[in-house]
């Protein structure tokens, strides 16, 4: 696939089904992440692949986390939490894991992790794998952090759902770049 085509046409795909990425496709996705801009080549991230029974386990943890957030949650909300991970056959949890470095502040390492996540999305798209980046309250909830062994200095940057698109993606919208640039001379 031509690089510019991917950059200009990748869109998030909400409806995903099996199969998810194969091991070789996942390796390409991870290799793409390793090419992200990264001051001092720290690779300040790690990832966890959740699939199969892991999705069910995560759903139960999400349900428990929702009850902690709101003990009065109705059954529909709890069922939605239980089913959330099953939106796709696999989910890659991307975790910023910064280290102390005299020239690379933590914020820059978190930004490098986000760039790695974007590279993952593009690599998935290049392999005809549908993907969507999600966050929300779940990424910071203590039960979820505990489930993925998130240390105090780490944070979940994205939960990247991946699978085979079950719908034809909408074309990428054409957006004017004018509001996003100011020329300074």
N, C-alpha and C. Protein backbone atom coordinates (compact mmCIF):
# COMPACT_ATOMS: atom_id res chain seq x y z
N UNK A 1 0.84 -1.18 0.00
CA UNK A 1 0.00 0.00 0.00
C UNK A 1 0.89 1.24 0.00
N UNK A 2 0.50 2.19 -0.76
CA UNK A 2 1.23 3.44 -0.80
C UNK A 2 1.05 4.17 0.53
N UNK A 3 2.13 4.68 1.06
CA UNK A 3 2.12 5.33 2.37
C UNK A 3 1.12 6.48 2.45
N UNK A 4 1.13 7.37 1.48
CA UNK A 4 0.21 8.50 1.53
C UNK A 4 -1.25 8.05 1.48
N UNK A 5 -1.53 7.01 0.76
CA UNK A 5 -2.90 6.49 0.71
C UNK A 5 -3.35 6.10 2.13
N UNK A 6 -2.51 5.39 2.84
CA UNK A 6 -2.84 4.99 4.21
C UNK A 6 -3.00 6.18 5.14
N UNK A 7 -2.08 7.13 5.04
CA UNK A 7 -2.14 8.31 5.89
C UNK A 7 -3.41 9.13 5.65
N UNK A 8 -3.85 9.19 4.41
CA UNK A 8 -4.99 10.03 4.06
C UNK A 8 -6.33 9.30 4.12
N UNK A 9 -6.31 7.98 4.19
CA UNK A 9 -7.57 7.23 4.09
C UNK A 9 -7.90 6.35 5.28
N UNK A 10 -7.00 6.17 6.22
CA UNK A 10 -7.30 5.33 7.37
C UNK A 10 -8.40 5.97 8.19
N UNK A 11 -9.36 5.17 8.57
CA UNK A 11 -10.44 5.63 9.45
C UNK A 11 -10.65 4.58 10.52
N UNK A 12 -11.20 5.00 11.64
CA UNK A 12 -11.55 4.05 12.68
C UNK A 12 -12.74 3.23 12.23
N UNK A 13 -12.69 1.95 12.51
CA UNK A 13 -13.77 1.04 12.14
C UNK A 13 -14.35 0.47 13.42
N UNK A 14 -15.60 0.79 13.67
CA UNK A 14 -16.27 0.43 14.92
C UNK A 14 -16.75 -1.02 14.94
N UNK A 15 -17.12 -1.55 13.81
CA UNK A 15 -17.70 -2.89 13.76
C UNK A 15 -16.66 -3.87 13.26
N UNK A 16 -16.22 -4.71 14.19
CA UNK A 16 -15.14 -5.65 13.89
C UNK A 16 -15.54 -7.07 14.29
N UNK A 17 -15.09 -8.03 13.52
CA UNK A 17 -15.39 -9.43 13.81
C UNK A 17 -14.13 -10.26 13.62
N UNK A 18 -14.23 -11.54 13.95
CA UNK A 18 -13.10 -12.46 13.76
C UNK A 18 -12.89 -12.66 12.26
N UNK A 19 -11.66 -12.89 11.88
CA UNK A 19 -10.51 -13.06 12.75
C UNK A 19 -9.83 -11.73 13.07
N UNK A 20 -9.08 -11.77 14.16
CA UNK A 20 -8.21 -10.65 14.50
C UNK A 20 -6.89 -10.84 13.78
N UNK A 21 -5.91 -10.01 14.07
CA UNK A 21 -4.62 -10.14 13.39
C UNK A 21 -3.94 -11.46 13.74
N UNK A 22 -3.26 -12.01 12.75
CA UNK A 22 -2.45 -13.20 12.98
C UNK A 22 -1.18 -12.80 13.72
N UNK A 23 -0.42 -13.78 14.16
CA UNK A 23 0.86 -13.47 14.83
C UNK A 23 1.80 -12.69 13.90
N UNK A 24 1.84 -13.06 12.63
CA UNK A 24 2.74 -12.34 11.72
C UNK A 24 2.23 -10.93 11.45
N UNK A 25 0.91 -10.74 11.36
CA UNK A 25 0.37 -9.38 11.21
C UNK A 25 0.63 -8.55 12.45
N UNK A 26 0.47 -9.16 13.62
CA UNK A 26 0.75 -8.46 14.87
C UNK A 26 2.21 -8.04 14.93
N UNK A 27 3.10 -8.90 14.49
CA UNK A 27 4.53 -8.55 14.50
C UNK A 27 4.79 -7.33 13.62
N UNK A 28 4.15 -7.25 12.48
CA UNK A 28 4.31 -6.07 11.61
C UNK A 28 3.78 -4.83 12.32
N UNK A 29 2.65 -4.95 13.00
CA UNK A 29 2.08 -3.83 13.75
C UNK A 29 3.06 -3.36 14.83
N UNK A 30 3.66 -4.30 15.54
CA UNK A 30 4.62 -3.95 16.59
C UNK A 30 5.90 -3.35 16.00
N UNK A 31 6.35 -3.88 14.87
CA UNK A 31 7.54 -3.33 14.22
C UNK A 31 7.29 -1.89 13.76
N UNK A 32 6.07 -1.63 13.27
CA UNK A 32 5.74 -0.25 12.86
C UNK A 32 5.82 0.68 14.07
N UNK A 33 5.34 0.23 15.22
CA UNK A 33 5.41 1.05 16.43
C UNK A 33 6.85 1.38 16.79
N UNK A 34 7.74 0.45 16.55
CA UNK A 34 9.15 0.65 16.89
C UNK A 34 9.83 1.66 15.98
N UNK A 35 9.15 2.12 14.93
CA UNK A 35 9.69 3.15 14.04
C UNK A 35 9.15 4.53 14.38
N UNK A 36 8.33 4.64 15.39
CA UNK A 36 7.75 5.93 15.78
C UNK A 36 8.84 6.89 16.25
N UNK A 37 8.63 8.20 16.07
CA UNK A 37 9.59 9.17 16.60
C UNK A 37 9.79 8.95 18.09
N UNK A 38 11.03 8.92 18.52
CA UNK A 38 11.32 8.53 19.89
C UNK A 38 12.70 9.05 20.29
N UNK A 39 12.72 10.23 20.91
CA UNK A 39 13.96 10.87 21.36
C UNK A 39 14.76 9.90 22.24
N UNK A 40 16.00 9.69 21.90
CA UNK A 40 16.94 8.81 22.61
C UNK A 40 16.61 7.33 22.46
N UNK A 41 15.70 7.01 21.56
CA UNK A 41 15.33 5.60 21.29
C UNK A 41 15.02 4.84 22.57
N UNK A 42 14.22 5.44 23.43
CA UNK A 42 13.89 4.82 24.72
C UNK A 42 12.83 3.73 24.59
N UNK A 43 12.01 3.81 23.56
CA UNK A 43 10.88 2.88 23.40
C UNK A 43 10.10 2.82 24.72
N UNK A 44 9.56 3.98 25.15
CA UNK A 44 8.95 4.09 26.48
C UNK A 44 7.51 3.57 26.53
N UNK A 45 7.30 2.40 25.98
CA UNK A 45 5.96 1.82 25.99
C UNK A 45 6.06 0.31 26.08
N UNK A 46 4.91 -0.25 26.39
CA UNK A 46 4.75 -1.70 26.34
C UNK A 46 3.30 -1.94 25.94
N UNK A 47 3.01 -3.14 25.54
CA UNK A 47 1.64 -3.44 25.13
C UNK A 47 1.24 -4.81 25.62
N UNK A 48 -0.06 -5.00 25.74
CA UNK A 48 -0.63 -6.27 26.17
C UNK A 48 -1.71 -6.64 25.16
N UNK A 49 -1.62 -7.83 24.57
CA UNK A 49 -2.64 -8.30 23.64
C UNK A 49 -3.70 -9.07 24.43
N UNK A 50 -4.94 -8.68 24.25
CA UNK A 50 -6.06 -9.34 24.93
C UNK A 50 -6.91 -9.99 23.85
N UNK A 51 -7.14 -11.28 23.99
CA UNK A 51 -7.96 -12.02 23.02
C UNK A 51 -8.56 -13.23 23.73
N UNK A 52 -9.45 -13.91 23.06
CA UNK A 52 -10.04 -15.13 23.60
C UNK A 52 -10.67 -14.93 24.96
N UNK A 53 -10.33 -15.81 25.90
CA UNK A 53 -10.88 -15.73 27.25
C UNK A 53 -10.46 -14.46 27.98
N UNK A 54 -9.34 -13.86 27.54
CA UNK A 54 -8.91 -12.59 28.13
C UNK A 54 -9.96 -11.50 27.97
N UNK A 55 -10.67 -11.52 26.84
CA UNK A 55 -11.73 -10.53 26.62
C UNK A 55 -12.86 -10.72 27.63
N UNK A 56 -13.19 -11.97 27.92
CA UNK A 56 -14.24 -12.26 28.90
C UNK A 56 -13.80 -11.85 30.29
N UNK A 57 -12.55 -12.17 30.65
CA UNK A 57 -12.01 -11.77 31.96
C UNK A 57 -12.03 -10.25 32.10
N UNK A 58 -11.61 -9.55 31.04
CA UNK A 58 -11.59 -8.09 31.08
C UNK A 58 -13.01 -7.54 31.22
N UNK A 59 -13.97 -8.14 30.55
CA UNK A 59 -15.35 -7.70 30.67
C UNK A 59 -15.85 -7.80 32.11
N UNK A 60 -15.49 -8.85 32.80
CA UNK A 60 -15.89 -9.01 34.20
C UNK A 60 -15.24 -7.94 35.08
N UNK A 61 -13.99 -7.62 34.78
CA UNK A 61 -13.30 -6.56 35.53
C UNK A 61 -13.94 -5.21 35.25
N UNK A 62 -14.31 -4.96 33.99
CA UNK A 62 -14.98 -3.71 33.64
C UNK A 62 -16.32 -3.59 34.37
N UNK A 63 -17.02 -4.70 34.47
CA UNK A 63 -18.30 -4.71 35.18
C UNK A 63 -18.10 -4.37 36.66
N UNK A 64 -17.08 -4.97 37.26
CA UNK A 64 -16.77 -4.69 38.66
C UNK A 64 -16.34 -3.22 38.84
N UNK A 65 -15.55 -2.71 37.89
CA UNK A 65 -15.12 -1.31 37.96
C UNK A 65 -16.32 -0.38 37.85
N UNK A 66 -17.27 -0.71 36.99
CA UNK A 66 -18.47 0.11 36.86
C UNK A 66 -19.25 0.14 38.17
N UNK A 67 -19.33 -1.00 38.83
CA UNK A 67 -20.04 -1.04 40.13
C UNK A 67 -19.33 -0.20 41.18
N UNK A 68 -18.01 -0.15 41.10
CA UNK A 68 -17.26 0.73 42.02
C UNK A 68 -17.56 2.18 41.70
N UNK A 69 -17.64 2.52 40.41
CA UNK A 69 -17.93 3.89 39.99
C UNK A 69 -19.34 4.30 40.40
N UNK A 70 -20.26 3.35 40.23
CA UNK A 70 -21.66 3.65 40.51
C UNK A 70 -22.36 2.37 40.98
N UNK A 71 -22.45 2.17 42.30
CA UNK A 71 -23.08 0.96 42.83
C UNK A 71 -24.55 0.81 42.39
N UNK A 72 -25.15 1.89 41.92
CA UNK A 72 -26.56 1.85 41.49
C UNK A 72 -26.70 1.55 39.99
N UNK A 73 -25.63 1.11 39.33
CA UNK A 73 -25.68 0.85 37.89
C UNK A 73 -26.77 -0.17 37.57
N UNK A 74 -27.50 0.13 36.49
CA UNK A 74 -28.56 -0.81 36.09
C UNK A 74 -27.95 -1.98 35.30
N UNK A 75 -28.77 -3.01 35.09
CA UNK A 75 -28.29 -4.23 34.43
C UNK A 75 -27.83 -3.97 33.00
N UNK A 76 -28.49 -3.06 32.31
CA UNK A 76 -28.09 -2.74 30.94
C UNK A 76 -26.67 -2.17 30.91
N UNK A 77 -26.36 -1.30 31.83
CA UNK A 77 -25.02 -0.71 31.91
C UNK A 77 -23.99 -1.79 32.25
N UNK A 78 -24.32 -2.66 33.19
CA UNK A 78 -23.40 -3.73 33.57
C UNK A 78 -23.18 -4.71 32.42
N UNK A 79 -24.24 -5.02 31.68
CA UNK A 79 -24.09 -5.91 30.52
C UNK A 79 -23.22 -5.26 29.46
N UNK A 80 -23.40 -3.95 29.26
CA UNK A 80 -22.57 -3.23 28.28
C UNK A 80 -21.09 -3.32 28.67
N UNK A 81 -20.79 -3.17 29.95
CA UNK A 81 -19.40 -3.28 30.42
C UNK A 81 -18.86 -4.69 30.19
N UNK A 82 -19.68 -5.68 30.47
CA UNK A 82 -19.27 -7.08 30.27
C UNK A 82 -18.95 -7.35 28.81
N UNK A 83 -19.71 -6.74 27.91
CA UNK A 83 -19.54 -6.99 26.48
C UNK A 83 -18.57 -6.05 25.79
N UNK A 84 -18.16 -4.98 26.47
CA UNK A 84 -17.28 -3.98 25.86
C UNK A 84 -16.05 -4.59 25.17
N UNK A 85 -15.31 -5.46 25.84
CA UNK A 85 -14.11 -6.01 25.19
C UNK A 85 -14.41 -6.85 23.95
N UNK A 86 -15.64 -7.36 23.85
CA UNK A 86 -16.00 -8.23 22.74
C UNK A 86 -16.43 -7.44 21.50
N UNK A 87 -16.14 -6.15 21.46
CA UNK A 87 -16.41 -5.34 20.26
C UNK A 87 -15.53 -5.80 19.10
N UNK A 88 -14.48 -6.52 19.42
CA UNK A 88 -13.53 -7.00 18.41
C UNK A 88 -12.92 -8.31 18.93
N UNK A 89 -12.34 -9.09 18.04
CA UNK A 89 -11.73 -10.35 18.49
C UNK A 89 -10.41 -10.16 19.23
N UNK A 90 -9.83 -8.98 19.15
CA UNK A 90 -8.58 -8.74 19.88
C UNK A 90 -8.46 -7.26 20.22
N UNK A 91 -7.71 -7.01 21.28
CA UNK A 91 -7.48 -5.65 21.75
C UNK A 91 -6.03 -5.54 22.18
N UNK A 92 -5.38 -4.51 21.68
CA UNK A 92 -4.00 -4.25 22.08
C UNK A 92 -4.03 -3.07 23.04
N UNK A 93 -3.62 -3.31 24.27
CA UNK A 93 -3.58 -2.25 25.28
C UNK A 93 -2.19 -1.63 25.20
N UNK A 94 -2.14 -0.35 24.86
CA UNK A 94 -0.88 0.37 24.71
C UNK A 94 -0.62 1.19 25.96
N UNK A 95 0.53 0.95 26.58
CA UNK A 95 0.86 1.54 27.87
C UNK A 95 2.13 2.38 27.76
N UNK A 96 2.02 3.65 28.13
CA UNK A 96 3.20 4.49 28.22
C UNK A 96 3.94 4.09 29.48
N UNK A 97 5.22 3.80 29.31
CA UNK A 97 6.04 3.35 30.42
C UNK A 97 7.34 4.16 30.46
N UNK A 98 7.21 5.44 30.81
CA UNK A 98 8.38 6.32 30.76
C UNK A 98 9.44 5.96 31.81
N UNK A 99 10.65 6.32 31.47
CA UNK A 99 11.77 6.13 32.39
C UNK A 99 12.42 7.48 32.65
N UNK A 100 13.18 7.56 33.71
CA UNK A 100 13.91 8.79 34.01
C UNK A 100 15.01 8.95 32.97
N UNK A 101 15.08 10.14 32.39
CA UNK A 101 16.13 10.42 31.41
C UNK A 101 16.45 11.90 31.48
N UNK A 102 17.75 12.25 31.50
CA UNK A 102 18.12 13.66 31.66
C UNK A 102 17.71 14.57 30.51
N UNK A 103 17.49 14.01 29.32
CA UNK A 103 17.16 14.85 28.17
C UNK A 103 15.76 14.62 27.62
N UNK A 104 15.07 13.60 28.10
CA UNK A 104 13.75 13.28 27.54
C UNK A 104 12.71 13.29 28.66
N UNK A 105 11.94 14.39 28.77
CA UNK A 105 10.94 14.46 29.83
C UNK A 105 9.83 13.43 29.64
N UNK A 106 9.15 13.15 30.72
CA UNK A 106 8.07 12.17 30.72
C UNK A 106 7.03 12.49 29.65
N UNK A 107 6.63 13.75 29.54
CA UNK A 107 5.61 14.13 28.57
C UNK A 107 6.02 13.75 27.15
N UNK A 108 7.28 13.93 26.82
CA UNK A 108 7.76 13.57 25.49
C UNK A 108 7.71 12.06 25.28
N UNK A 109 7.94 11.30 26.33
CA UNK A 109 7.88 9.85 26.23
C UNK A 109 6.43 9.37 26.04
N UNK A 110 5.50 10.05 26.68
CA UNK A 110 4.08 9.73 26.49
C UNK A 110 3.68 10.06 25.05
N UNK A 111 4.18 11.18 24.53
CA UNK A 111 3.89 11.54 23.15
C UNK A 111 4.48 10.51 22.17
N UNK A 112 5.66 10.00 22.47
CA UNK A 112 6.26 8.96 21.63
C UNK A 112 5.38 7.70 21.64
N UNK A 113 4.80 7.40 22.79
CA UNK A 113 3.91 6.25 22.89
C UNK A 113 2.68 6.45 22.02
N UNK A 114 2.13 7.66 22.04
CA UNK A 114 0.97 7.95 21.19
C UNK A 114 1.35 7.83 19.71
N UNK A 115 2.54 8.28 19.36
CA UNK A 115 3.00 8.15 17.97
C UNK A 115 3.14 6.67 17.60
N UNK A 116 3.59 5.86 18.54
CA UNK A 116 3.69 4.42 18.30
C UNK A 116 2.29 3.83 18.06
N UNK A 117 1.32 4.31 18.82
CA UNK A 117 -0.06 3.86 18.64
C UNK A 117 -0.59 4.21 17.26
N UNK A 118 -0.28 5.41 16.80
CA UNK A 118 -0.71 5.81 15.46
C UNK A 118 -0.06 4.93 14.40
N UNK A 119 1.20 4.62 14.58
CA UNK A 119 1.88 3.72 13.64
C UNK A 119 1.22 2.35 13.64
N UNK A 120 0.79 1.89 14.81
CA UNK A 120 0.08 0.60 14.90
C UNK A 120 -1.21 0.63 14.08
N UNK A 121 -1.97 1.73 14.21
CA UNK A 121 -3.21 1.85 13.44
C UNK A 121 -2.94 1.83 11.94
N UNK A 122 -1.91 2.53 11.52
CA UNK A 122 -1.58 2.56 10.10
C UNK A 122 -1.12 1.19 9.61
N UNK A 123 -0.34 0.49 10.42
CA UNK A 123 0.13 -0.84 10.03
C UNK A 123 -1.04 -1.83 9.96
N UNK A 124 -2.00 -1.67 10.85
CA UNK A 124 -3.19 -2.52 10.79
C UNK A 124 -3.95 -2.22 9.49
N UNK A 125 -4.16 -0.95 9.20
CA UNK A 125 -4.88 -0.56 7.99
C UNK A 125 -4.18 -1.10 6.74
N UNK A 126 -2.86 -1.02 6.71
CA UNK A 126 -2.09 -1.50 5.56
C UNK A 126 -2.28 -3.00 5.33
N UNK A 127 -2.69 -3.71 6.38
CA UNK A 127 -2.88 -5.16 6.27
C UNK A 127 -4.37 -5.54 6.23
N UNK A 128 -5.22 -4.55 5.96
CA UNK A 128 -6.67 -4.75 5.88
C UNK A 128 -7.26 -5.22 7.21
N UNK A 129 -6.66 -4.80 8.29
CA UNK A 129 -7.19 -5.08 9.63
C UNK A 129 -7.91 -3.82 10.09
N UNK A 130 -9.15 -3.97 10.49
CA UNK A 130 -9.88 -2.83 11.02
C UNK A 130 -9.42 -2.55 12.44
N UNK A 131 -9.39 -1.29 12.81
CA UNK A 131 -8.94 -0.93 14.15
C UNK A 131 -9.62 0.35 14.61
N UNK A 132 -9.76 0.45 15.91
CA UNK A 132 -10.29 1.67 16.51
C UNK A 132 -9.58 1.89 17.84
N UNK A 133 -9.19 3.13 18.09
CA UNK A 133 -8.48 3.54 19.31
C UNK A 133 -9.54 4.01 20.30
N UNK A 134 -9.56 3.42 21.47
CA UNK A 134 -10.53 3.81 22.50
C UNK A 134 -9.81 4.12 23.80
N UNK A 135 -10.44 5.01 24.58
CA UNK A 135 -9.94 5.31 25.92
C UNK A 135 -11.15 5.37 26.84
N UNK A 136 -11.43 6.52 27.40
CA UNK A 136 -12.56 6.66 28.32
C UNK A 136 -12.15 6.37 29.75
N UNK A 137 -13.15 6.28 30.61
CA UNK A 137 -12.89 6.10 32.04
C UNK A 137 -12.13 4.82 32.34
N UNK A 138 -12.26 3.83 31.49
CA UNK A 138 -11.65 2.52 31.81
C UNK A 138 -10.13 2.58 31.90
N UNK A 139 -9.49 3.47 31.14
CA UNK A 139 -8.03 3.46 31.11
C UNK A 139 -7.39 3.95 32.40
N UNK A 140 -8.16 4.66 33.22
CA UNK A 140 -7.58 5.18 34.46
C UNK A 140 -8.16 4.54 35.71
N UNK A 141 -9.12 3.65 35.55
CA UNK A 141 -9.74 3.05 36.73
C UNK A 141 -8.74 2.12 37.43
N UNK A 142 -8.65 2.18 38.77
CA UNK A 142 -7.69 1.36 39.51
C UNK A 142 -7.79 -0.15 39.25
N UNK A 143 -8.97 -0.68 39.06
CA UNK A 143 -9.09 -2.12 38.78
C UNK A 143 -8.49 -2.50 37.44
N UNK A 144 -8.67 -1.64 36.46
CA UNK A 144 -8.10 -1.90 35.13
C UNK A 144 -6.58 -1.74 35.20
N UNK A 145 -6.14 -0.69 35.88
CA UNK A 145 -4.70 -0.49 36.05
C UNK A 145 -4.07 -1.71 36.73
N UNK A 146 -4.72 -2.22 37.74
CA UNK A 146 -4.21 -3.39 38.45
C UNK A 146 -4.18 -4.62 37.53
N UNK A 147 -5.24 -4.80 36.75
CA UNK A 147 -5.33 -5.96 35.86
C UNK A 147 -4.17 -6.01 34.87
N UNK A 148 -3.71 -4.84 34.43
CA UNK A 148 -2.62 -4.79 33.46
C UNK A 148 -1.28 -4.44 34.09
N UNK A 149 -1.20 -4.54 35.42
CA UNK A 149 0.05 -4.28 36.15
C UNK A 149 0.63 -2.91 35.81
N UNK A 150 -0.23 -1.89 35.79
CA UNK A 150 0.21 -0.54 35.49
C UNK A 150 0.85 0.05 36.75
N UNK A 151 2.11 0.45 36.64
CA UNK A 151 2.79 1.06 37.77
C UNK A 151 2.35 2.51 37.93
N UNK A 152 2.77 3.11 39.02
CA UNK A 152 2.40 4.49 39.31
C UNK A 152 2.82 5.47 38.21
N UNK A 153 3.97 5.22 37.59
CA UNK A 153 4.47 6.15 36.57
C UNK A 153 3.96 5.82 35.16
N UNK A 154 3.19 4.76 35.02
CA UNK A 154 2.68 4.37 33.70
C UNK A 154 1.24 4.84 33.51
N UNK A 155 0.81 4.84 32.24
CA UNK A 155 -0.59 5.12 31.94
C UNK A 155 -1.00 4.40 30.67
N UNK A 156 -2.26 3.99 30.63
CA UNK A 156 -2.79 3.39 29.41
C UNK A 156 -3.11 4.52 28.45
N UNK A 157 -2.51 4.45 27.27
CA UNK A 157 -2.70 5.47 26.24
C UNK A 157 -3.87 5.10 25.34
N UNK A 158 -4.01 3.82 25.05
CA UNK A 158 -5.07 3.40 24.13
C UNK A 158 -5.40 1.94 24.34
N UNK A 159 -6.65 1.63 24.06
CA UNK A 159 -7.08 0.26 23.90
C UNK A 159 -7.45 0.17 22.42
N UNK A 160 -6.60 -0.49 21.67
CA UNK A 160 -6.78 -0.56 20.22
C UNK A 160 -7.49 -1.86 19.88
N UNK A 161 -8.76 -1.74 19.54
CA UNK A 161 -9.56 -2.90 19.14
C UNK A 161 -9.20 -3.23 17.69
N UNK A 162 -8.99 -4.52 17.40
CA UNK A 162 -8.61 -4.93 16.04
C UNK A 162 -9.37 -6.17 15.61
N UNK A 163 -9.68 -6.21 14.33
CA UNK A 163 -10.35 -7.36 13.75
C UNK A 163 -10.64 -7.13 12.28
N UNK A 164 -11.49 -7.98 11.76
CA UNK A 164 -11.90 -7.87 10.37
C UNK A 164 -13.12 -6.95 10.31
N UNK A 165 -13.07 -5.92 9.45
CA UNK A 165 -14.22 -5.03 9.36
C UNK A 165 -15.48 -5.81 8.94
N UNK A 166 -16.57 -5.60 9.65
CA UNK A 166 -17.82 -6.25 9.29
C UNK A 166 -18.73 -5.31 8.50
N UNK A 167 -18.25 -4.10 8.27
CA UNK A 167 -18.96 -3.12 7.44
C UNK A 167 -17.93 -2.46 6.53
N UNK A 168 -18.42 -1.90 5.46
CA UNK A 168 -17.53 -1.12 4.59
C UNK A 168 -17.28 0.21 5.28
N UNK A 169 -16.01 0.53 5.50
CA UNK A 169 -15.74 1.80 6.20
C UNK A 169 -16.21 2.99 5.38
N UNK A 170 -16.64 4.02 6.10
CA UNK A 170 -17.00 5.27 5.44
C UNK A 170 -15.71 5.89 4.91
N UNK A 171 -15.78 6.57 3.79
CA UNK A 171 -14.58 7.23 3.28
C UNK A 171 -14.09 8.28 4.27
N UNK A 172 -12.79 8.46 4.30
CA UNK A 172 -12.20 9.49 5.16
C UNK A 172 -12.70 10.85 4.70
N UNK A 173 -13.17 11.68 5.63
CA UNK A 173 -13.66 13.00 5.23
C UNK A 173 -12.51 13.89 4.78
N UNK A 174 -12.82 14.79 3.87
CA UNK A 174 -11.83 15.78 3.45
C UNK A 174 -12.06 17.00 4.34
N UNK A 175 -11.03 17.38 5.07
CA UNK A 175 -11.13 18.47 6.03
C UNK A 175 -10.15 19.56 5.62
N UNK A 176 -10.59 20.78 5.64
CA UNK A 176 -9.70 21.89 5.31
C UNK A 176 -8.61 22.00 6.37
N UNK A 177 -7.39 22.16 5.92
CA UNK A 177 -6.27 22.32 6.85
C UNK A 177 -6.08 23.76 7.31
N UNK A 178 -6.79 24.70 6.71
CA UNK A 178 -6.58 26.12 7.01
C UNK A 178 -6.72 26.47 8.50
N UNK A 179 -7.70 25.95 9.22
CA UNK A 179 -7.80 26.33 10.64
C UNK A 179 -6.67 25.76 11.51
N UNK A 180 -5.87 24.86 10.95
CA UNK A 180 -4.86 24.17 11.75
C UNK A 180 -3.44 24.65 11.50
N UNK A 181 -3.30 25.72 10.74
CA UNK A 181 -1.96 26.23 10.48
C UNK A 181 -1.96 27.75 10.44
N UNK A 182 -0.91 28.32 10.94
CA UNK A 182 -0.67 29.75 10.83
C UNK A 182 0.75 29.90 10.33
N UNK A 183 0.93 30.65 9.29
CA UNK A 183 2.27 30.86 8.76
C UNK A 183 2.92 32.01 9.52
N UNK A 184 4.08 31.78 9.98
CA UNK A 184 4.81 32.74 10.80
C UNK A 184 6.15 33.02 10.13
N UNK A 185 6.36 34.25 9.79
CA UNK A 185 7.59 34.62 9.07
C UNK A 185 8.43 35.53 9.91
